């Protein structure tokens, strides 16, 4: 927001960011429900796509003369805000533990309950899920600047209900809490970033889906 990073640089960061779902994937990998190879592959792909997406974003901004960072300002932090004790109390305890952990738990519980209920009480067949619609829904869910709803996709992927292309597209578009600070500065810039990521992520997912991935 100080103009020290280009639009593409920020886009690259958001593409590479997986949000709280990364911790769920690590937990599922520990239980053997998702292979470590998949997680490493997803992380590597997001890294390289972040670079490619960032370069494309800068190119589009330059060619289309898109303006951004027009409402930038920097909050001057007091010295104490950089101390470890303040960080642990305000950010880790009051923010992460008190505000987010219980919400993540409820989302995971809800996802497991709903999917298990459907599997046990209906003649549910994973092949009946239209992959294109799953890709579209997964991409739309990723637009939301919260992590919870994306948990459903992680659980579904671990059960083999959606293909890798849907997981990748969702991971590209969603950015956990990464977008929230930008929303506080400029809703217009946040919209531009999210729009680019949505188009980029959906196209990448569509390409992989066409190859049966």
N, C-alpha and C. Protein backbone atom coordinates (compact mmCIF):
# COMPACT_ATOMS: atom_id res chain seq x y z
N UNK A 1 0.82 -1.21 0.00
CA UNK A 1 0.00 0.00 0.00
C UNK A 1 0.85 1.26 0.00
N UNK A 2 2.16 1.12 0.19
CA UNK A 2 3.07 2.27 0.13
C UNK A 2 3.63 2.46 -1.26
N UNK A 3 3.21 1.60 -2.20
CA UNK A 3 3.71 1.71 -3.56
C UNK A 3 5.07 1.07 -3.77
N UNK A 4 5.53 0.29 -2.80
CA UNK A 4 6.84 -0.36 -2.91
C UNK A 4 6.76 -1.69 -3.63
N UNK A 5 5.55 -2.20 -3.82
CA UNK A 5 5.35 -3.49 -4.50
C UNK A 5 4.35 -3.29 -5.62
N UNK A 6 4.63 -3.88 -6.77
CA UNK A 6 3.74 -3.70 -7.91
C UNK A 6 2.45 -4.50 -7.74
N UNK A 7 1.49 -4.20 -8.59
CA UNK A 7 0.22 -4.94 -8.61
C UNK A 7 0.49 -6.43 -8.84
N UNK A 8 1.43 -6.71 -9.73
CA UNK A 8 1.79 -8.10 -10.02
C UNK A 8 2.46 -8.79 -8.84
N UNK A 9 3.26 -8.04 -8.10
CA UNK A 9 3.92 -8.61 -6.92
C UNK A 9 2.91 -9.04 -5.87
N UNK A 10 1.90 -8.20 -5.67
CA UNK A 10 0.85 -8.53 -4.71
C UNK A 10 -0.01 -9.68 -5.22
N UNK A 11 -0.27 -9.67 -6.52
CA UNK A 11 -1.03 -10.76 -7.14
C UNK A 11 -0.31 -12.09 -6.95
N UNK A 12 0.99 -12.09 -7.16
CA UNK A 12 1.80 -13.30 -6.99
C UNK A 12 1.71 -13.83 -5.56
N UNK A 13 1.72 -12.91 -4.60
CA UNK A 13 1.61 -13.31 -3.19
C UNK A 13 0.27 -13.96 -2.90
N UNK A 14 -0.80 -13.36 -3.40
CA UNK A 14 -2.13 -13.88 -3.14
C UNK A 14 -2.35 -15.24 -3.83
N UNK A 15 -1.79 -15.40 -5.02
CA UNK A 15 -1.92 -16.68 -5.73
C UNK A 15 -1.20 -17.78 -4.96
N UNK A 16 -0.05 -17.46 -4.42
CA UNK A 16 0.76 -18.47 -3.72
C UNK A 16 0.23 -18.79 -2.33
N UNK A 17 -0.63 -17.93 -1.79
CA UNK A 17 -1.15 -18.10 -0.43
C UNK A 17 -2.31 -19.09 -0.40
N UNK A 18 -2.24 -20.05 0.52
CA UNK A 18 -3.28 -21.07 0.62
C UNK A 18 -4.25 -20.85 1.78
N UNK A 19 -3.90 -20.01 2.73
CA UNK A 19 -4.80 -19.77 3.85
C UNK A 19 -4.78 -20.90 4.87
N UNK A 20 -5.80 -20.92 5.74
CA UNK A 20 -5.86 -21.90 6.82
C UNK A 20 -6.02 -23.34 6.31
N UNK A 21 -6.49 -23.50 5.07
CA UNK A 21 -6.68 -24.84 4.52
C UNK A 21 -5.37 -25.62 4.45
N UNK A 22 -4.27 -24.90 4.37
CA UNK A 22 -2.96 -25.57 4.31
C UNK A 22 -2.74 -26.43 5.56
N UNK A 23 -3.17 -25.91 6.73
CA UNK A 23 -3.01 -26.66 7.98
C UNK A 23 -3.89 -27.90 7.99
N UNK A 24 -5.09 -27.78 7.42
CA UNK A 24 -5.98 -28.93 7.33
C UNK A 24 -5.39 -29.99 6.41
N UNK A 25 -4.82 -29.56 5.29
CA UNK A 25 -4.20 -30.51 4.36
C UNK A 25 -3.02 -31.23 5.02
N UNK A 26 -2.24 -30.51 5.79
CA UNK A 26 -1.11 -31.13 6.49
C UNK A 26 -1.61 -32.16 7.50
N UNK A 27 -2.71 -31.82 8.18
CA UNK A 27 -3.29 -32.75 9.14
C UNK A 27 -3.80 -34.01 8.45
N UNK A 28 -4.47 -33.84 7.31
CA UNK A 28 -4.99 -34.98 6.56
C UNK A 28 -3.85 -35.83 5.99
N UNK A 29 -2.77 -35.18 5.63
CA UNK A 29 -1.60 -35.91 5.14
C UNK A 29 -0.99 -36.75 6.25
N UNK A 30 -0.98 -36.19 7.46
CA UNK A 30 -0.47 -36.91 8.61
C UNK A 30 -1.31 -38.16 8.89
N UNK A 31 -2.60 -38.10 8.56
CA UNK A 31 -3.50 -39.23 8.76
C UNK A 31 -3.52 -40.17 7.55
N UNK A 32 -2.78 -39.82 6.51
CA UNK A 32 -2.73 -40.66 5.32
C UNK A 32 -3.91 -40.49 4.38
N UNK A 33 -4.71 -39.42 4.57
CA UNK A 33 -5.88 -39.21 3.73
C UNK A 33 -5.57 -38.37 2.49
N UNK A 34 -4.48 -37.65 2.53
CA UNK A 34 -3.95 -36.93 1.36
C UNK A 34 -2.46 -37.22 1.32
N UNK A 35 -1.95 -37.54 0.16
CA UNK A 35 -0.53 -37.88 0.07
C UNK A 35 0.34 -36.63 0.20
N UNK A 36 1.51 -36.81 0.79
CA UNK A 36 2.45 -35.70 0.92
C UNK A 36 2.90 -35.22 -0.45
N UNK A 37 2.94 -36.13 -1.41
CA UNK A 37 3.35 -35.77 -2.77
C UNK A 37 2.39 -34.75 -3.37
N UNK A 38 1.09 -34.92 -3.09
CA UNK A 38 0.09 -33.98 -3.59
C UNK A 38 0.30 -32.59 -3.00
N UNK A 39 0.59 -32.55 -1.70
CA UNK A 39 0.80 -31.26 -1.03
C UNK A 39 2.04 -30.57 -1.57
N UNK A 40 3.11 -31.33 -1.76
CA UNK A 40 4.34 -30.76 -2.31
C UNK A 40 4.12 -30.28 -3.74
N UNK A 41 3.37 -31.07 -4.51
CA UNK A 41 3.08 -30.69 -5.89
C UNK A 41 2.24 -29.42 -5.93
N UNK A 42 1.21 -29.36 -5.09
CA UNK A 42 0.34 -28.19 -5.04
C UNK A 42 1.13 -26.94 -4.66
N UNK A 43 1.99 -27.07 -3.65
CA UNK A 43 2.81 -25.94 -3.20
C UNK A 43 3.74 -25.45 -4.29
N UNK A 44 4.38 -26.40 -4.98
CA UNK A 44 5.31 -26.04 -6.06
C UNK A 44 4.58 -25.37 -7.21
N UNK A 45 3.42 -25.90 -7.57
CA UNK A 45 2.64 -25.32 -8.67
C UNK A 45 2.19 -23.90 -8.32
N UNK A 46 1.73 -23.71 -7.08
CA UNK A 46 1.29 -22.38 -6.65
C UNK A 46 2.45 -21.39 -6.68
N UNK A 47 3.64 -21.86 -6.33
CA UNK A 47 4.83 -20.99 -6.35
C UNK A 47 5.11 -20.49 -7.77
N UNK A 48 5.15 -21.42 -8.72
CA UNK A 48 5.46 -21.04 -10.10
C UNK A 48 4.31 -20.27 -10.75
N UNK A 49 3.07 -20.67 -10.44
CA UNK A 49 1.93 -19.93 -10.99
C UNK A 49 1.85 -18.53 -10.40
N UNK A 50 2.32 -18.38 -9.17
CA UNK A 50 2.36 -17.05 -8.56
C UNK A 50 3.27 -16.12 -9.36
N UNK A 51 4.43 -16.64 -9.76
CA UNK A 51 5.37 -15.84 -10.56
C UNK A 51 4.76 -15.51 -11.92
N UNK A 52 4.21 -16.53 -12.58
CA UNK A 52 3.62 -16.32 -13.90
C UNK A 52 2.43 -15.36 -13.82
N UNK A 53 1.55 -15.60 -12.85
CA UNK A 53 0.38 -14.75 -12.68
C UNK A 53 0.77 -13.31 -12.35
N UNK A 54 1.81 -13.14 -11.54
CA UNK A 54 2.28 -11.80 -11.20
C UNK A 54 2.80 -11.05 -12.41
N UNK A 55 3.56 -11.74 -13.24
CA UNK A 55 4.08 -11.13 -14.46
C UNK A 55 2.95 -10.74 -15.42
N UNK A 56 1.98 -11.64 -15.55
CA UNK A 56 0.83 -11.36 -16.42
C UNK A 56 0.02 -10.18 -15.88
N UNK A 57 -0.15 -10.13 -14.56
CA UNK A 57 -0.91 -9.04 -13.94
C UNK A 57 -0.24 -7.70 -14.21
N UNK A 58 1.08 -7.64 -14.04
CA UNK A 58 1.80 -6.39 -14.32
C UNK A 58 1.69 -6.00 -15.79
N UNK A 59 1.74 -7.01 -16.67
CA UNK A 59 1.63 -6.75 -18.10
C UNK A 59 0.25 -6.18 -18.45
N UNK A 60 -0.81 -6.78 -17.86
CA UNK A 60 -2.16 -6.31 -18.12
C UNK A 60 -2.37 -4.90 -17.58
N UNK A 61 -1.86 -4.66 -16.39
CA UNK A 61 -2.01 -3.34 -15.78
C UNK A 61 -1.34 -2.28 -16.63
N UNK A 62 -0.16 -2.63 -17.16
CA UNK A 62 0.57 -1.67 -17.98
C UNK A 62 -0.12 -1.44 -19.33
N UNK A 63 -0.58 -2.54 -19.95
CA UNK A 63 -1.20 -2.43 -21.28
C UNK A 63 -2.56 -1.75 -21.22
N UNK A 64 -3.35 -2.11 -20.23
CA UNK A 64 -4.69 -1.55 -20.12
C UNK A 64 -4.72 -0.25 -19.31
N UNK A 65 -3.55 0.14 -18.80
CA UNK A 65 -3.40 1.37 -18.02
C UNK A 65 -4.36 1.41 -16.83
N UNK A 66 -4.41 0.27 -16.15
CA UNK A 66 -5.27 0.16 -14.97
C UNK A 66 -4.61 0.88 -13.80
N UNK A 67 -5.37 1.72 -13.14
CA UNK A 67 -4.83 2.45 -12.00
C UNK A 67 -5.11 1.68 -10.72
N UNK A 68 -4.16 1.69 -9.82
CA UNK A 68 -4.34 1.03 -8.53
C UNK A 68 -3.52 1.77 -7.49
N UNK A 69 -3.73 1.39 -6.25
CA UNK A 69 -3.00 1.99 -5.13
C UNK A 69 -3.23 3.51 -5.06
N UNK A 70 -4.45 3.95 -5.37
CA UNK A 70 -4.74 5.38 -5.35
C UNK A 70 -5.17 5.88 -3.98
N UNK A 71 -5.53 4.95 -3.10
CA UNK A 71 -5.99 5.36 -1.77
C UNK A 71 -5.00 4.90 -0.70
N UNK A 72 -3.74 4.85 -1.08
CA UNK A 72 -2.74 4.28 -0.19
C UNK A 72 -2.40 5.21 0.98
N UNK A 73 -2.16 4.59 2.09
CA UNK A 73 -1.66 5.30 3.27
C UNK A 73 -1.00 4.27 4.17
N UNK A 74 -0.09 4.71 4.97
CA UNK A 74 0.62 3.80 5.87
C UNK A 74 0.33 4.18 7.31
N UNK A 75 -0.08 3.20 8.07
CA UNK A 75 -0.30 3.43 9.49
C UNK A 75 1.04 3.40 10.21
N UNK A 76 1.30 4.42 11.01
CA UNK A 76 2.56 4.48 11.75
C UNK A 76 2.41 3.67 13.02
N UNK A 77 3.18 2.60 13.12
CA UNK A 77 3.08 1.72 14.29
C UNK A 77 3.96 2.23 15.42
N UNK A 78 3.45 2.11 16.61
CA UNK A 78 4.25 2.45 17.78
C UNK A 78 5.29 1.36 18.02
N UNK A 79 6.36 1.73 18.67
CA UNK A 79 7.46 0.79 18.88
C UNK A 79 7.06 -0.49 19.58
N UNK A 80 6.12 -0.40 20.54
CA UNK A 80 5.73 -1.58 21.31
C UNK A 80 5.05 -2.63 20.45
N UNK A 81 4.46 -2.21 19.31
CA UNK A 81 3.73 -3.14 18.46
C UNK A 81 4.66 -4.13 17.77
N UNK A 82 5.95 -3.87 17.81
CA UNK A 82 6.90 -4.77 17.18
C UNK A 82 7.55 -5.70 18.20
N UNK A 83 7.18 -5.57 19.48
CA UNK A 83 7.76 -6.42 20.52
C UNK A 83 7.07 -7.77 20.54
N UNK A 84 7.84 -8.83 20.90
CA UNK A 84 7.33 -10.20 20.88
C UNK A 84 6.13 -10.37 21.80
N UNK A 85 6.19 -9.80 23.00
CA UNK A 85 5.09 -9.96 23.96
C UNK A 85 3.79 -9.40 23.40
N UNK A 86 3.87 -8.23 22.77
CA UNK A 86 2.68 -7.61 22.17
C UNK A 86 2.16 -8.48 21.03
N UNK A 87 3.07 -9.00 20.22
CA UNK A 87 2.67 -9.84 19.08
C UNK A 87 1.95 -11.10 19.54
N UNK A 88 2.52 -11.78 20.54
CA UNK A 88 1.93 -13.02 21.05
C UNK A 88 0.56 -12.77 21.66
N UNK A 89 0.42 -11.66 22.39
CA UNK A 89 -0.84 -11.38 23.07
C UNK A 89 -1.93 -10.94 22.09
N UNK A 90 -1.62 -9.93 21.28
CA UNK A 90 -2.64 -9.32 20.41
C UNK A 90 -2.94 -10.16 19.17
N UNK A 91 -1.89 -10.70 18.54
CA UNK A 91 -2.09 -11.39 17.27
C UNK A 91 -2.32 -12.90 17.42
N UNK A 92 -1.51 -13.54 18.26
CA UNK A 92 -1.63 -14.99 18.42
C UNK A 92 -2.79 -15.36 19.34
N UNK A 93 -2.80 -14.79 20.57
CA UNK A 93 -3.83 -15.15 21.55
C UNK A 93 -5.19 -14.53 21.21
N UNK A 94 -5.24 -13.21 21.15
CA UNK A 94 -6.53 -12.54 20.96
C UNK A 94 -7.10 -12.70 19.56
N UNK A 95 -6.25 -12.77 18.56
CA UNK A 95 -6.75 -12.85 17.18
C UNK A 95 -6.89 -14.29 16.69
N UNK A 96 -5.78 -15.01 16.63
CA UNK A 96 -5.81 -16.37 16.06
C UNK A 96 -6.55 -17.35 16.94
N UNK A 97 -6.14 -17.43 18.22
CA UNK A 97 -6.72 -18.45 19.11
C UNK A 97 -8.16 -18.12 19.48
N UNK A 98 -8.42 -16.89 19.93
CA UNK A 98 -9.76 -16.55 20.41
C UNK A 98 -10.78 -16.34 19.28
N UNK A 99 -10.33 -15.84 18.14
CA UNK A 99 -11.27 -15.50 17.08
C UNK A 99 -11.40 -16.54 15.97
N UNK A 100 -10.31 -17.28 15.71
CA UNK A 100 -10.33 -18.11 14.50
C UNK A 100 -10.32 -19.61 14.72
N UNK A 101 -9.60 -20.10 15.72
CA UNK A 101 -9.47 -21.55 15.88
C UNK A 101 -10.82 -22.23 16.05
N UNK A 102 -11.70 -21.68 16.88
CA UNK A 102 -13.01 -22.31 17.09
C UNK A 102 -13.87 -22.27 15.83
N UNK A 103 -13.71 -21.21 15.02
CA UNK A 103 -14.45 -21.12 13.76
C UNK A 103 -13.99 -22.19 12.78
N UNK A 104 -12.66 -22.37 12.71
CA UNK A 104 -12.11 -23.39 11.82
C UNK A 104 -12.58 -24.78 12.24
N UNK A 105 -12.59 -25.01 13.57
CA UNK A 105 -13.06 -26.30 14.09
C UNK A 105 -14.50 -26.56 13.66
N UNK A 106 -15.36 -25.55 13.78
CA UNK A 106 -16.77 -25.71 13.42
C UNK A 106 -16.94 -25.96 11.92
N UNK A 107 -16.15 -25.27 11.10
CA UNK A 107 -16.23 -25.50 9.65
C UNK A 107 -15.81 -26.91 9.30
N UNK A 108 -14.72 -27.40 9.92
CA UNK A 108 -14.25 -28.76 9.64
C UNK A 108 -15.29 -29.77 10.10
N UNK A 109 -15.85 -29.56 11.30
CA UNK A 109 -16.87 -30.46 11.82
C UNK A 109 -18.09 -30.49 10.89
N UNK A 110 -18.53 -29.31 10.45
CA UNK A 110 -19.69 -29.22 9.57
C UNK A 110 -19.43 -29.93 8.25
N UNK A 111 -18.22 -29.74 7.70
CA UNK A 111 -17.88 -30.38 6.42
C UNK A 111 -17.88 -31.89 6.55
N UNK A 112 -17.26 -32.40 7.61
CA UNK A 112 -17.21 -33.85 7.82
C UNK A 112 -18.60 -34.42 8.04
N UNK A 113 -19.42 -33.70 8.82
CA UNK A 113 -20.78 -34.17 9.12
C UNK A 113 -21.64 -34.23 7.87
N UNK A 114 -21.64 -33.15 7.09
CA UNK A 114 -22.48 -33.07 5.90
C UNK A 114 -22.09 -34.13 4.86
N UNK A 115 -20.79 -34.23 4.59
CA UNK A 115 -20.32 -35.18 3.58
C UNK A 115 -20.56 -36.62 4.02
N UNK A 116 -20.30 -36.91 5.30
CA UNK A 116 -20.53 -38.26 5.82
C UNK A 116 -22.01 -38.61 5.80
N UNK A 117 -22.87 -37.66 6.13
CA UNK A 117 -24.31 -37.88 6.12
C UNK A 117 -24.80 -38.21 4.71
N UNK A 118 -24.32 -37.46 3.75
CA UNK A 118 -24.72 -37.69 2.35
C UNK A 118 -24.27 -39.06 1.88
N UNK A 119 -23.03 -39.43 2.22
CA UNK A 119 -22.49 -40.71 1.79
C UNK A 119 -23.25 -41.88 2.41
N UNK A 120 -23.63 -41.76 3.67
CA UNK A 120 -24.24 -42.87 4.39
C UNK A 120 -25.75 -42.99 4.18
N UNK A 121 -26.40 -41.89 3.81
CA UNK A 121 -27.86 -41.91 3.72
C UNK A 121 -28.41 -41.75 2.31
N UNK A 122 -27.54 -41.69 1.34
CA UNK A 122 -27.99 -41.61 -0.04
C UNK A 122 -27.16 -42.55 -0.91
N UNK A 123 -27.67 -42.80 -2.09
CA UNK A 123 -26.90 -43.61 -3.04
C UNK A 123 -25.95 -42.69 -3.79
N UNK A 124 -25.08 -42.08 -3.02
CA UNK A 124 -24.19 -41.05 -3.57
C UNK A 124 -23.08 -41.69 -4.39
N UNK A 125 -22.91 -41.18 -5.57
CA UNK A 125 -21.87 -41.69 -6.46
C UNK A 125 -20.96 -40.53 -6.86
N UNK A 126 -19.67 -40.58 -6.48
CA UNK A 126 -18.76 -39.47 -6.79
C UNK A 126 -18.71 -39.14 -8.27
N UNK A 127 -18.93 -40.13 -9.13
CA UNK A 127 -18.84 -39.87 -10.56
C UNK A 127 -19.99 -39.00 -11.05
N UNK A 128 -21.05 -38.86 -10.20
CA UNK A 128 -22.18 -38.04 -10.59
C UNK A 128 -21.88 -36.55 -10.49
N UNK A 129 -20.82 -36.22 -9.77
CA UNK A 129 -20.45 -34.81 -9.64
C UNK A 129 -19.87 -34.34 -10.96
N UNK A 130 -20.50 -33.35 -11.55
CA UNK A 130 -19.98 -32.78 -12.78
C UNK A 130 -18.74 -31.95 -12.45
N UNK A 131 -17.61 -32.34 -13.00
CA UNK A 131 -16.35 -31.69 -12.66
C UNK A 131 -16.33 -30.21 -13.03
N UNK A 132 -16.99 -29.87 -14.12
CA UNK A 132 -17.00 -28.47 -14.53
C UNK A 132 -17.74 -27.62 -13.50
N UNK A 133 -18.90 -28.10 -13.05
CA UNK A 133 -19.67 -27.36 -12.05
C UNK A 133 -18.93 -27.31 -10.71
N UNK A 134 -18.22 -28.39 -10.40
CA UNK A 134 -17.41 -28.41 -9.18
C UNK A 134 -16.31 -27.36 -9.27
N UNK A 135 -15.72 -27.23 -10.46
CA UNK A 135 -14.68 -26.21 -10.69
C UNK A 135 -15.26 -24.81 -10.54
N UNK A 136 -16.42 -24.60 -11.12
CA UNK A 136 -17.06 -23.29 -11.07
C UNK A 136 -17.44 -22.92 -9.63
N UNK A 137 -18.06 -23.87 -8.92
CA UNK A 137 -18.47 -23.62 -7.53
C UNK A 137 -17.25 -23.41 -6.64
N UNK A 138 -16.21 -24.24 -6.83
CA UNK A 138 -14.99 -24.11 -6.04
C UNK A 138 -14.31 -22.77 -6.26
N UNK A 139 -14.38 -22.27 -7.49
CA UNK A 139 -13.78 -20.97 -7.82
C UNK A 139 -14.58 -19.83 -7.21
N UNK A 140 -15.90 -19.96 -7.24
CA UNK A 140 -16.76 -18.91 -6.67
C UNK A 140 -16.60 -18.84 -5.15
N UNK A 141 -16.55 -20.01 -4.52
CA UNK A 141 -16.35 -20.06 -3.07
C UNK A 141 -15.04 -19.37 -2.68
N UNK A 142 -14.02 -19.55 -3.52
CA UNK A 142 -12.70 -18.99 -3.23
C UNK A 142 -12.68 -17.47 -3.25
N UNK A 143 -13.71 -16.85 -3.84
CA UNK A 143 -13.76 -15.39 -3.87
C UNK A 143 -13.95 -14.81 -2.48
N UNK A 144 -14.67 -15.55 -1.63
CA UNK A 144 -14.96 -15.06 -0.28
C UNK A 144 -13.67 -14.84 0.50
N UNK A 145 -13.52 -13.70 1.18
CA UNK A 145 -12.30 -13.40 1.93
C UNK A 145 -12.25 -14.07 3.30
N UNK A 146 -12.75 -15.32 3.36
CA UNK A 146 -12.69 -16.12 4.59
C UNK A 146 -12.26 -17.53 4.23
N UNK A 147 -11.74 -18.26 5.19
CA UNK A 147 -11.18 -19.58 4.91
C UNK A 147 -12.20 -20.72 5.06
N UNK A 148 -13.17 -20.56 5.95
CA UNK A 148 -14.06 -21.65 6.31
C UNK A 148 -14.68 -22.46 5.19
N UNK A 149 -15.40 -21.83 4.26
CA UNK A 149 -16.09 -22.60 3.21
C UNK A 149 -15.18 -23.47 2.36
N UNK A 150 -13.91 -23.06 2.24
CA UNK A 150 -12.98 -23.83 1.42
C UNK A 150 -12.64 -25.19 2.05
N UNK A 151 -12.93 -25.31 3.35
CA UNK A 151 -12.68 -26.58 4.05
C UNK A 151 -13.46 -27.72 3.40
N UNK A 152 -14.68 -27.42 2.93
CA UNK A 152 -15.50 -28.44 2.27
C UNK A 152 -14.76 -29.05 1.09
N UNK A 153 -14.08 -28.22 0.31
CA UNK A 153 -13.38 -28.70 -0.87
C UNK A 153 -12.20 -29.59 -0.49
N UNK A 154 -11.50 -29.22 0.59
CA UNK A 154 -10.36 -30.04 1.04
C UNK A 154 -10.84 -31.42 1.46
N UNK A 155 -11.93 -31.45 2.24
CA UNK A 155 -12.49 -32.73 2.68
C UNK A 155 -12.96 -33.56 1.50
N UNK A 156 -13.64 -32.92 0.54
CA UNK A 156 -14.13 -33.63 -0.64
C UNK A 156 -12.98 -34.17 -1.48
N UNK A 157 -11.90 -33.41 -1.59
CA UNK A 157 -10.74 -33.88 -2.34
C UNK A 157 -10.10 -35.09 -1.66
N UNK A 158 -10.03 -35.04 -0.32
CA UNK A 158 -9.43 -36.15 0.42
C UNK A 158 -10.23 -37.43 0.27
N UNK A 159 -11.53 -37.29 -0.05
CA UNK A 159 -12.39 -38.45 -0.25
C UNK A 159 -12.52 -38.83 -1.73
N UNK A 160 -11.81 -38.11 -2.59
CA UNK A 160 -11.84 -38.43 -4.01
C UNK A 160 -13.08 -37.97 -4.73
N UNK A 161 -13.79 -36.99 -4.16
CA UNK A 161 -15.04 -36.52 -4.74
C UNK A 161 -14.86 -35.41 -5.77
N UNK A 162 -13.72 -34.74 -5.74
CA UNK A 162 -13.43 -33.71 -6.74
C UNK A 162 -12.00 -33.90 -7.25
N UNK A 163 -11.71 -33.52 -8.48
CA UNK A 163 -10.37 -33.70 -9.04
C UNK A 163 -9.37 -32.65 -8.55
N UNK A 164 -8.11 -32.88 -8.85
CA UNK A 164 -7.03 -31.97 -8.44
C UNK A 164 -7.21 -30.58 -9.04
N UNK A 165 -7.75 -30.51 -10.25
CA UNK A 165 -7.92 -29.22 -10.92
C UNK A 165 -8.80 -28.27 -10.11
N UNK A 166 -9.82 -28.81 -9.45
CA UNK A 166 -10.72 -27.99 -8.63
C UNK A 166 -9.98 -27.47 -7.40
N UNK A 167 -9.21 -28.35 -6.77
CA UNK A 167 -8.41 -27.96 -5.60
C UNK A 167 -7.41 -26.87 -5.96
N UNK A 168 -6.76 -27.03 -7.12
CA UNK A 168 -5.75 -26.06 -7.54
C UNK A 168 -6.38 -24.71 -7.84
N UNK A 169 -7.49 -24.72 -8.58
CA UNK A 169 -8.17 -23.46 -8.91
C UNK A 169 -8.61 -22.73 -7.65
N UNK A 170 -9.16 -23.48 -6.71
CA UNK A 170 -9.59 -22.89 -5.44
C UNK A 170 -8.41 -22.30 -4.68
N UNK A 171 -7.28 -23.01 -4.69
CA UNK A 171 -6.08 -22.55 -3.97
C UNK A 171 -5.50 -21.28 -4.61
N UNK A 172 -5.60 -21.18 -5.93
CA UNK A 172 -5.10 -20.00 -6.63
C UNK A 172 -5.95 -18.77 -6.28
N UNK A 173 -7.25 -18.95 -6.31
CA UNK A 173 -8.16 -17.81 -6.14
C UNK A 173 -8.31 -17.38 -4.69
N UNK A 174 -8.42 -18.35 -3.77
CA UNK A 174 -8.60 -17.98 -2.36
C UNK A 174 -7.27 -17.62 -1.72
N UNK A 175 -7.31 -16.71 -0.77
CA UNK A 175 -6.08 -16.23 -0.16
C UNK A 175 -6.20 -16.09 1.36
N UNK A 176 -7.11 -16.88 1.95
CA UNK A 176 -7.22 -16.82 3.40
C UNK A 176 -7.53 -15.42 3.88
N UNK A 177 -6.71 -14.92 4.80
CA UNK A 177 -6.90 -13.57 5.32
C UNK A 177 -6.03 -12.56 4.59
N UNK A 178 -5.36 -13.01 3.54
CA UNK A 178 -4.42 -12.14 2.83
C UNK A 178 -5.07 -10.91 2.22
N UNK A 179 -6.35 -11.02 1.87
CA UNK A 179 -7.02 -9.90 1.21
C UNK A 179 -7.60 -8.89 2.20
N UNK A 180 -7.81 -9.31 3.45
CA UNK A 180 -8.48 -8.44 4.42
C UNK A 180 -7.78 -7.09 4.63
N UNK A 181 -6.44 -7.04 4.77
CA UNK A 181 -5.80 -5.73 4.94
C UNK A 181 -6.02 -4.81 3.74
N UNK A 182 -6.06 -5.40 2.54
CA UNK A 182 -6.26 -4.60 1.33
C UNK A 182 -7.68 -4.05 1.30
N UNK A 183 -8.64 -4.86 1.75
CA UNK A 183 -10.03 -4.39 1.81
C UNK A 183 -10.16 -3.16 2.70
N UNK A 184 -9.33 -3.12 3.74
CA UNK A 184 -9.36 -1.99 4.65
C UNK A 184 -8.80 -0.72 4.03
N UNK A 185 -7.90 -0.88 3.07
CA UNK A 185 -7.30 0.27 2.41
C UNK A 185 -8.08 0.71 1.18
N UNK A 186 -8.40 -0.26 0.32
CA UNK A 186 -9.04 0.09 -0.94
C UNK A 186 -9.89 -1.06 -1.46
N UNK A 187 -11.19 -0.90 -1.42
CA UNK A 187 -12.11 -1.90 -1.94
C UNK A 187 -11.93 -2.07 -3.44
N UNK A 188 -11.61 -0.99 -4.11
CA UNK A 188 -11.41 -1.00 -5.56
C UNK A 188 -10.22 -1.87 -5.94
N UNK A 189 -9.10 -1.72 -5.23
CA UNK A 189 -7.91 -2.53 -5.51
C UNK A 189 -8.17 -3.99 -5.19
N UNK A 190 -8.88 -4.25 -4.10
CA UNK A 190 -9.20 -5.63 -3.71
C UNK A 190 -10.03 -6.31 -4.80
N UNK A 191 -10.97 -5.57 -5.37
CA UNK A 191 -11.82 -6.11 -6.43
C UNK A 191 -10.97 -6.46 -7.66
N UNK A 192 -10.05 -5.58 -8.03
CA UNK A 192 -9.19 -5.82 -9.20
C UNK A 192 -8.31 -7.05 -8.99
N UNK A 193 -7.75 -7.17 -7.80
CA UNK A 193 -6.90 -8.32 -7.49
C UNK A 193 -7.70 -9.62 -7.55
N UNK A 194 -8.87 -9.60 -6.94
CA UNK A 194 -9.70 -10.80 -6.88
C UNK A 194 -10.22 -11.18 -8.26
N UNK A 195 -10.56 -10.19 -9.07
CA UNK A 195 -11.04 -10.47 -10.42
C UNK A 195 -9.96 -11.13 -11.26
N UNK A 196 -8.74 -10.61 -11.19
CA UNK A 196 -7.65 -11.21 -11.95
C UNK A 196 -7.38 -12.63 -11.48
N UNK A 197 -7.32 -12.83 -10.17
CA UNK A 197 -7.05 -14.16 -9.62
C UNK A 197 -8.14 -15.16 -9.99
N UNK A 198 -9.40 -14.69 -10.01
CA UNK A 198 -10.50 -15.57 -10.37
C UNK A 198 -10.37 -16.04 -11.82
N UNK A 199 -10.14 -15.10 -12.72
CA UNK A 199 -10.00 -15.44 -14.14
C UNK A 199 -8.80 -16.36 -14.36
N UNK A 200 -7.68 -16.01 -13.74
CA UNK A 200 -6.45 -16.79 -13.89
C UNK A 200 -6.63 -18.19 -13.32
N UNK A 201 -7.17 -18.29 -12.10
CA UNK A 201 -7.35 -19.58 -11.45
C UNK A 201 -8.34 -20.47 -12.18
N UNK A 202 -9.44 -19.87 -12.64
CA UNK A 202 -10.47 -20.66 -13.34
C UNK A 202 -9.92 -21.20 -14.67
N UNK A 203 -9.16 -20.39 -15.38
CA UNK A 203 -8.58 -20.84 -16.66
C UNK A 203 -7.59 -21.98 -16.43
N UNK A 204 -6.73 -21.84 -15.41
CA UNK A 204 -5.77 -22.91 -15.09
C UNK A 204 -6.51 -24.19 -14.73
N UNK A 205 -7.55 -24.06 -13.90
CA UNK A 205 -8.34 -25.24 -13.53
C UNK A 205 -9.00 -25.87 -14.72
N UNK A 206 -9.51 -25.05 -15.63
CA UNK A 206 -10.17 -25.54 -16.83
C UNK A 206 -9.20 -26.28 -17.74
N UNK A 207 -7.98 -25.79 -17.85
CA UNK A 207 -6.95 -26.44 -18.66
C UNK A 207 -6.63 -27.83 -18.09
N UNK A 208 -6.42 -27.90 -16.78
CA UNK A 208 -6.13 -29.19 -16.15
C UNK A 208 -7.31 -30.14 -16.27
N UNK A 209 -8.52 -29.58 -16.12
CA UNK A 209 -9.73 -30.40 -16.20
C UNK A 209 -9.88 -31.01 -17.60
N UNK A 210 -9.50 -30.26 -18.63
CA UNK A 210 -9.59 -30.76 -20.00
C UNK A 210 -8.65 -31.93 -20.25
N UNK A 211 -7.60 -32.02 -19.43
CA UNK A 211 -6.66 -33.15 -19.52
C UNK A 211 -7.04 -34.28 -18.56
N UNK A 212 -8.19 -34.14 -17.91
CA UNK A 212 -8.66 -35.19 -17.02
C UNK A 212 -8.02 -35.18 -15.65
N UNK A 213 -7.44 -34.05 -15.26
CA UNK A 213 -6.75 -33.96 -13.95
C UNK A 213 -7.65 -33.31 -12.91
